[in-house]
Amino acid sequence: MHKLMKTRLKNSPPERTERLEIRLEPAEKEAFQLAASISGATLSSWLRERLRRAARSDIEGAGQTVPFLAKQ
């Protein structure tokens, strides 16, 4: 592969290689899918954004640095 193809663009988002598995009740998953659909997002994007908001609130509330913001 050409070297330039391997280099990430300066403003591109970081590569997402990690996975998170959670167990849900069927009704929870249905509700999450519905909410994602209503907002025009994929389920993965919708969940990721909501988890980021919650993590940021809790971490900053504890007076700590949010790891995914520190790298930016």
N, C-alpha and C. Protein backbone atom coordinates (compact mmCIF):
# COMPACT_ATOMS: atom_id res chain seq x y z
N MET A 1 0.85 -1.19 0.00
CA MET A 1 0.00 0.00 0.00
C MET A 1 0.89 1.24 0.00
N HIS A 2 0.52 2.22 -0.76
CA HIS A 2 1.27 3.46 -0.86
C HIS A 2 1.31 4.16 0.49
N LYS A 3 2.45 4.75 0.81
CA LYS A 3 2.64 5.42 2.11
C LYS A 3 1.56 6.48 2.38
N LEU A 4 1.20 7.25 1.39
CA LEU A 4 0.18 8.28 1.59
C LEU A 4 -1.18 7.69 1.94
N MET A 5 -1.47 6.50 1.44
CA MET A 5 -2.75 5.86 1.73
C MET A 5 -2.81 5.41 3.19
N LYS A 6 -1.67 5.10 3.77
CA LYS A 6 -1.62 4.66 5.16
C LYS A 6 -1.70 5.83 6.13
N THR A 7 -1.31 7.00 5.69
CA THR A 7 -1.30 8.19 6.55
C THR A 7 -2.70 8.75 6.69
N ARG A 8 -3.11 8.95 7.92
CA ARG A 8 -4.42 9.52 8.18
C ARG A 8 -4.39 11.01 7.91
N LEU A 9 -5.45 11.52 7.33
CA LEU A 9 -5.53 12.95 7.10
C LEU A 9 -5.55 13.67 8.44
N LYS A 10 -5.03 14.88 8.46
CA LYS A 10 -4.89 15.64 9.70
C LYS A 10 -6.23 15.81 10.44
N ASN A 11 -7.31 16.05 9.74
CA ASN A 11 -8.61 16.30 10.38
C ASN A 11 -9.53 15.09 10.39
N SER A 12 -9.04 13.93 9.98
CA SER A 12 -9.90 12.76 9.97
C SER A 12 -10.04 12.18 11.37
N PRO A 13 -11.16 11.52 11.66
CA PRO A 13 -11.36 10.97 13.00
C PRO A 13 -10.40 9.82 13.26
N PRO A 14 -10.12 9.55 14.52
CA PRO A 14 -9.22 8.44 14.84
C PRO A 14 -9.81 7.10 14.38
N GLU A 15 -8.94 6.17 14.11
CA GLU A 15 -9.40 4.85 13.68
C GLU A 15 -10.11 4.17 14.85
N ARG A 16 -11.25 3.61 14.58
CA ARG A 16 -12.04 2.95 15.62
C ARG A 16 -11.84 1.44 15.49
N THR A 17 -10.99 0.90 16.34
CA THR A 17 -10.67 -0.52 16.28
C THR A 17 -11.20 -1.30 17.47
N GLU A 18 -11.61 -0.62 18.51
CA GLU A 18 -12.09 -1.29 19.72
C GLU A 18 -13.57 -1.60 19.60
N ARG A 19 -13.99 -2.68 20.25
CA ARG A 19 -15.40 -3.07 20.26
C ARG A 19 -15.86 -3.19 21.71
N LEU A 20 -17.13 -2.95 21.93
CA LEU A 20 -17.73 -3.06 23.25
C LEU A 20 -19.00 -3.90 23.12
N GLU A 21 -19.09 -4.92 23.91
CA GLU A 21 -20.27 -5.78 23.87
C GLU A 21 -21.06 -5.57 25.16
N ILE A 22 -22.36 -5.33 25.02
CA ILE A 22 -23.22 -5.18 26.19
C ILE A 22 -24.44 -6.08 26.03
N ARG A 23 -25.01 -6.45 27.14
CA ARG A 23 -26.22 -7.26 27.12
C ARG A 23 -27.41 -6.35 27.44
N LEU A 24 -28.47 -6.52 26.66
CA LEU A 24 -29.66 -5.68 26.80
C LEU A 24 -30.91 -6.53 26.86
N GLU A 25 -31.95 -5.95 27.41
CA GLU A 25 -33.27 -6.57 27.29
C GLU A 25 -33.76 -6.25 25.88
N PRO A 26 -34.54 -7.13 25.28
CA PRO A 26 -35.04 -6.88 23.93
C PRO A 26 -35.74 -5.52 23.79
N ALA A 27 -36.51 -5.13 24.79
CA ALA A 27 -37.22 -3.84 24.72
C ALA A 27 -36.25 -2.67 24.74
N GLU A 28 -35.13 -2.82 25.46
CA GLU A 28 -34.12 -1.75 25.48
C GLU A 28 -33.52 -1.59 24.08
N LYS A 29 -33.14 -2.71 23.48
CA LYS A 29 -32.55 -2.64 22.15
C LYS A 29 -33.53 -2.05 21.14
N GLU A 30 -34.77 -2.45 21.24
CA GLU A 30 -35.81 -1.92 20.35
C GLU A 30 -35.93 -0.41 20.51
N ALA A 31 -35.91 0.07 21.75
CA ALA A 31 -36.03 1.50 22.01
C ALA A 31 -34.81 2.25 21.48
N PHE A 32 -33.63 1.69 21.68
CA PHE A 32 -32.41 2.33 21.19
C PHE A 32 -32.42 2.40 19.67
N GLN A 33 -32.83 1.33 19.02
CA GLN A 33 -32.91 1.32 17.56
C GLN A 33 -33.92 2.35 17.05
N LEU A 34 -35.05 2.45 17.73
CA LEU A 34 -36.07 3.43 17.35
C LEU A 34 -35.54 4.85 17.51
N ALA A 35 -34.90 5.12 18.63
CA ALA A 35 -34.35 6.46 18.87
C ALA A 35 -33.29 6.81 17.83
N ALA A 36 -32.44 5.86 17.50
CA ALA A 36 -31.41 6.09 16.49
C ALA A 36 -32.05 6.39 15.14
N SER A 37 -33.06 5.61 14.79
CA SER A 37 -33.75 5.80 13.52
C SER A 37 -34.41 7.18 13.46
N ILE A 38 -35.07 7.57 14.53
CA ILE A 38 -35.73 8.88 14.57
C ILE A 38 -34.71 10.01 14.40
N SER A 39 -33.53 9.83 14.97
CA SER A 39 -32.51 10.89 14.87
C SER A 39 -31.71 10.80 13.57
N GLY A 40 -31.97 9.77 12.77
CA GLY A 40 -31.27 9.64 11.49
C GLY A 40 -29.87 9.08 11.60
N ALA A 41 -29.59 8.39 12.70
CA ALA A 41 -28.26 7.84 12.92
C ALA A 41 -28.30 6.32 12.91
N THR A 42 -27.13 5.72 12.73
CA THR A 42 -27.06 4.28 12.90
C THR A 42 -27.12 3.99 14.39
N LEU A 43 -27.46 2.77 14.73
CA LEU A 43 -27.51 2.40 16.15
C LEU A 43 -26.14 2.59 16.79
N SER A 44 -25.10 2.17 16.11
CA SER A 44 -23.74 2.30 16.64
C SER A 44 -23.39 3.77 16.90
N SER A 45 -23.65 4.63 15.93
CA SER A 45 -23.34 6.05 16.10
C SER A 45 -24.16 6.68 17.21
N TRP A 46 -25.42 6.32 17.26
CA TRP A 46 -26.31 6.88 18.29
C TRP A 46 -25.82 6.48 19.69
N LEU A 47 -25.52 5.20 19.86
CA LEU A 47 -25.04 4.72 21.16
C LEU A 47 -23.70 5.35 21.54
N ARG A 48 -22.79 5.41 20.57
CA ARG A 48 -21.47 5.97 20.84
C ARG A 48 -21.58 7.42 21.29
N GLU A 49 -22.39 8.21 20.62
CA GLU A 49 -22.55 9.62 20.99
C GLU A 49 -23.14 9.75 22.39
N ARG A 50 -24.12 8.96 22.71
CA ARG A 50 -24.74 9.04 24.05
C ARG A 50 -23.77 8.59 25.13
N LEU A 51 -22.99 7.55 24.86
CA LEU A 51 -22.00 7.09 25.83
C LEU A 51 -20.90 8.14 26.04
N ARG A 52 -20.49 8.79 24.96
CA ARG A 52 -19.48 9.85 25.08
C ARG A 52 -19.99 11.00 25.94
N ARG A 53 -21.24 11.40 25.73
CA ARG A 53 -21.83 12.48 26.54
C ARG A 53 -21.85 12.11 28.02
N ALA A 54 -22.31 10.90 28.32
CA ALA A 54 -22.40 10.45 29.71
C ALA A 54 -21.01 10.35 30.35
N ALA A 55 -20.06 9.79 29.62
CA ALA A 55 -18.70 9.65 30.15
C ALA A 55 -18.09 11.02 30.41
N ARG A 56 -18.25 11.93 29.47
CA ARG A 56 -17.69 13.27 29.63
C ARG A 56 -18.28 13.96 30.86
N SER A 57 -19.57 13.87 31.03
CA SER A 57 -20.23 14.49 32.17
C SER A 57 -19.71 13.92 33.49
N ASP A 58 -19.63 12.61 33.58
CA ASP A 58 -19.17 11.97 34.83
C ASP A 58 -17.70 12.27 35.11
N ILE A 59 -16.87 12.18 34.07
CA ILE A 59 -15.42 12.37 34.26
C ILE A 59 -15.10 13.82 34.60
N GLU A 60 -15.69 14.76 33.83
CA GLU A 60 -15.44 16.18 34.13
C GLU A 60 -16.04 16.55 35.48
N GLY A 61 -17.17 15.94 35.84
CA GLY A 61 -17.78 16.18 37.14
C GLY A 61 -16.89 15.75 38.29
N ALA A 62 -16.02 14.78 38.01
CA ALA A 62 -15.07 14.30 39.01
C ALA A 62 -13.75 15.07 38.95
N GLY A 63 -13.71 16.10 38.08
CA GLY A 63 -12.52 16.93 37.97
C GLY A 63 -11.36 16.28 37.25
N GLN A 64 -11.65 15.31 36.41
CA GLN A 64 -10.58 14.62 35.70
C GLN A 64 -10.61 14.94 34.21
N THR A 65 -9.53 14.61 33.53
CA THR A 65 -9.40 14.83 32.10
C THR A 65 -10.07 13.69 31.35
N VAL A 66 -10.86 14.04 30.36
CA VAL A 66 -11.55 13.04 29.54
C VAL A 66 -10.55 12.52 28.51
N PRO A 67 -10.21 11.22 28.56
CA PRO A 67 -9.18 10.69 27.65
C PRO A 67 -9.46 10.95 26.17
N PHE A 68 -10.70 10.83 25.71
CA PHE A 68 -10.94 11.02 24.28
C PHE A 68 -10.95 12.49 23.88
N LEU A 69 -10.92 13.40 24.83
CA LEU A 69 -10.79 14.82 24.51
C LEU A 69 -9.34 15.28 24.63
N ALA A 70 -8.56 14.62 25.47
CA ALA A 70 -7.17 15.00 25.70
C ALA A 70 -6.31 14.81 24.47
N LYS A 71 -6.67 13.88 23.59
CA LYS A 71 -5.88 13.56 22.40
C LYS A 71 -6.12 14.55 21.27
N GLN A 72 -7.16 15.35 21.35
CA GLN A 72 -7.49 16.25 20.26
C GLN A 72 -6.68 17.51 20.28
